[in-house]
Amino acid sequence: MFALLSVVTIGMMSAASAHQLHTASTTVLFNERTGNIEVLHRFFLHDAEHAVKQLFDKKADIHQLDSTQAQFSSYVFERFGLQTLNGEPLSLKAVGYEVDGNNFWIYQETPIVDGLKGLRIKHKALHDLWPSQQNLVNVEGLGPIQSVTFRQQDEWLEVRF
């Protein structure tokens, strides 16, 4: 009986902590067809839901309220940035956001800069809430896919083409 109780307790603890690793992913896509660098942020809706209640208001509803979705998007825009390797900011324009299944997507874009040899990237979203938050950024469209992962202590990371 004790062994069964131990197995059940461990199983419940595993289920409760199954989503303790907070992660988000972003794709920075060089789209030659449009002439833009397109940025696609994907957050787990579960994480975004908890974040907006802590960041903004206990009644914030990222599932239903456009105002909460816009507020969370603005929060992400303030914590994400692209620069040239010389530190010149690339001005990202908001394109939109949406709830899609279990994900909350946020979209940005900026024109492709001629002669770009690499990027400096910053992604601090949700690091102020969860020290374990990891933000993966994949850069696609200029050679092999390159990835950087941001942890709380990271500021600017680089990829080179």
Protein backbone atom coordinates (compact mmCIF):
# COMPACT_ATOMS: atom_id res chain seq x y z
CA MET A 1 0.00 0.00 0.00
CA PHE A 2 2.83 2.41 0.90
CA ALA A 3 4.51 1.76 -2.47
CA LEU A 4 1.28 2.50 -4.33
CA LEU A 5 0.76 5.69 -2.32
CA SER A 6 4.34 6.75 -3.08
CA VAL A 7 3.87 6.16 -6.81
CA VAL A 8 0.60 8.12 -6.82
CA THR A 9 2.17 11.00 -4.86
CA ILE A 10 5.18 11.17 -7.19
CA GLY A 11 2.84 11.08 -10.20
CA MET A 12 0.78 13.94 -8.80
CA MET A 13 3.91 15.97 -8.06
CA SER A 14 5.16 15.37 -11.62
CA ALA A 15 1.83 16.43 -13.10
CA ALA A 16 1.75 19.56 -10.95
CA SER A 17 5.26 20.54 -11.96
CA ALA A 18 4.96 19.45 -15.59
CA HIS A 19 4.52 23.02 -16.74
CA GLN A 20 6.99 24.65 -14.38
CA LEU A 21 9.52 25.31 -17.13
CA HIS A 22 8.38 28.56 -18.69
CA THR A 23 9.39 28.83 -22.34
CA ALA A 24 8.53 30.95 -25.34
CA SER A 25 9.80 30.79 -28.89
CA THR A 26 10.34 33.48 -31.47
CA THR A 27 11.12 33.16 -35.15
CA VAL A 28 12.98 35.97 -36.89
CA LEU A 29 12.34 35.28 -40.56
CA PHE A 30 14.10 37.07 -43.42
CA ASN A 31 11.35 37.04 -46.04
CA GLU A 32 12.87 37.99 -49.40
CA ARG A 33 9.44 37.93 -51.04
CA THR A 34 8.08 40.74 -48.82
CA GLY A 35 11.43 42.44 -48.21
CA ASN A 36 10.80 42.30 -44.47
CA ILE A 37 12.24 40.73 -41.38
CA GLU A 38 9.16 39.10 -39.87
CA VAL A 39 9.10 38.37 -36.14
CA LEU A 40 6.71 35.72 -34.82
CA HIS A 41 6.53 35.34 -31.02
CA ARG A 42 4.78 32.24 -29.63
CA PHE A 43 3.82 32.05 -25.97
CA PHE A 44 1.97 29.20 -24.36
CA LEU A 45 -1.50 30.56 -23.65
CA HIS A 46 -1.31 29.09 -20.15
CA ASP A 47 1.83 31.13 -19.41
CA ALA A 48 0.39 34.29 -20.97
CA GLU A 49 -2.79 33.86 -18.94
CA HIS A 50 -0.86 33.69 -15.66
CA ALA A 51 1.46 36.51 -16.71
CA VAL A 52 -1.28 39.04 -17.49
CA LYS A 53 -2.94 38.42 -14.14
CA GLN A 54 0.36 39.12 -12.36
CA LEU A 55 1.49 41.97 -14.61
CA PHE A 56 -1.72 43.90 -15.17
CA ASP A 57 -4.85 42.89 -13.32
CA LYS A 58 -6.35 39.84 -11.64
CA LYS A 59 -9.32 40.22 -14.02
CA ALA A 60 -7.16 40.36 -17.17
CA ASP A 61 -8.43 37.87 -19.74
CA ILE A 62 -6.08 37.09 -22.61
CA HIS A 63 -8.56 34.54 -24.00
CA GLN A 64 -11.42 36.99 -24.56
CA LEU A 65 -10.37 40.61 -24.10
CA ASP A 66 -8.69 42.42 -26.97
CA SER A 67 -7.49 45.03 -24.46
CA THR A 68 -5.58 42.37 -22.49
CA GLN A 69 -4.15 40.90 -25.70
CA ALA A 70 -2.99 44.36 -26.82
CA GLN A 71 -1.51 45.08 -23.39
CA PHE A 72 0.44 41.80 -23.35
CA SER A 73 1.66 42.45 -26.90
CA SER A 74 2.91 45.91 -25.87
CA TYR A 75 4.67 44.35 -22.90
CA VAL A 76 6.50 41.93 -25.25
CA PHE A 77 7.34 44.72 -27.73
CA GLU A 78 9.05 46.65 -24.92
CA ARG A 79 11.20 43.66 -24.00
CA PHE A 80 12.22 42.44 -27.46
CA GLY A 81 14.63 44.17 -29.78
CA LEU A 82 16.78 43.76 -32.86
CA GLN A 83 19.94 45.69 -33.69
CA THR A 84 22.63 45.56 -36.33
CA LEU A 85 25.98 44.22 -35.14
CA ASN A 86 27.02 47.89 -34.75
CA GLY A 87 24.20 48.43 -32.25
CA GLU A 88 21.88 50.38 -34.56
CA PRO A 89 18.28 49.58 -33.59
CA LEU A 90 15.97 48.06 -36.18
CA SER A 91 12.58 49.70 -35.76
CA LEU A 92 10.00 46.94 -35.40
CA LYS A 93 6.40 47.69 -36.33
CA ALA A 94 3.52 45.90 -34.64
CA VAL A 95 1.59 43.74 -37.10
CA GLY A 96 -0.88 41.97 -34.82
CA TYR A 97 -1.60 39.19 -32.34
CA GLU A 98 -3.95 36.25 -31.98
CA VAL A 99 -5.00 33.34 -29.84
CA ASP A 100 -4.49 30.10 -31.76
CA GLY A 101 -5.27 26.91 -29.87
CA ASN A 102 -2.93 26.69 -26.88
CA ASN A 103 -0.73 29.55 -28.12
CA PHE A 104 -0.74 33.31 -28.11
CA TRP A 105 1.04 34.74 -31.16
CA ILE A 106 2.45 38.25 -31.54
CA TYR A 107 3.71 39.57 -34.89
CA GLN A 108 6.19 42.33 -35.76
CA GLU A 109 8.16 43.33 -38.84
CA THR A 110 10.82 45.69 -40.17
CA PRO A 111 12.39 46.14 -43.61
CA ILE A 112 15.44 44.00 -44.40
CA VAL A 113 18.62 46.07 -44.13
CA ASP A 114 21.03 45.71 -47.06
CA GLY A 115 24.43 44.27 -46.20
CA LEU A 116 23.37 42.97 -42.77
CA LYS A 117 26.11 40.66 -41.46
CA GLY A 118 24.27 39.57 -38.33
CA LEU A 119 21.89 40.63 -35.59
CA ARG A 120 22.03 41.59 -31.96
CA ILE A 121 18.87 40.30 -30.29
CA LYS A 122 17.26 41.01 -26.91
CA HIS A 123 14.32 39.01 -25.52
CA LYS A 124 13.49 39.73 -21.87
CA ALA A 125 9.74 38.93 -21.91
CA LEU A 126 8.55 37.24 -18.70
CA HIS A 127 12.02 37.25 -17.12
CA ASP A 128 10.70 39.80 -14.62
CA LEU A 129 8.09 37.26 -13.50
CA TRP A 130 9.85 33.93 -13.68
CA PRO A 131 13.61 33.55 -13.21
CA SER A 132 13.43 30.18 -15.01
CA GLN A 133 11.84 31.71 -18.14
CA GLN A 134 13.67 30.74 -21.34
CA ASN A 135 13.06 32.54 -24.64
CA LEU A 136 14.29 30.68 -27.71
CA VAL A 137 14.89 32.78 -30.84
CA ASN A 138 15.39 31.08 -34.21
CA VAL A 139 16.76 33.17 -37.08
CA GLU A 140 15.75 31.81 -40.49
CA GLY A 141 16.08 32.77 -44.13
CA LEU A 142 19.78 33.68 -44.38
CA GLY A 143 21.65 30.39 -44.51
CA PRO A 144 21.26 27.71 -41.86
CA ILE A 145 18.84 28.34 -39.00
CA GLN A 146 20.61 29.89 -36.03
CA SER A 147 19.26 29.83 -32.48
CA VAL A 148 19.91 31.68 -29.26
CA THR A 149 18.24 31.06 -25.92
CA PHE A 150 17.69 33.90 -23.48
CA ARG A 151 17.80 33.28 -19.78
CA GLN A 152 17.19 35.89 -17.10
CA GLN A 153 20.82 37.07 -16.98
CA ASP A 154 21.14 37.55 -20.76
CA GLU A 155 20.83 40.99 -22.34
CA TRP A 156 21.91 41.03 -26.01
CA LEU A 157 22.97 37.89 -27.90
CA GLU A 158 24.32 37.78 -31.45
CA VAL A 159 23.94 35.73 -34.59
CA ARG A 160 26.20 36.22 -37.61
CA PHE A 161 25.49 35.40 -41.24
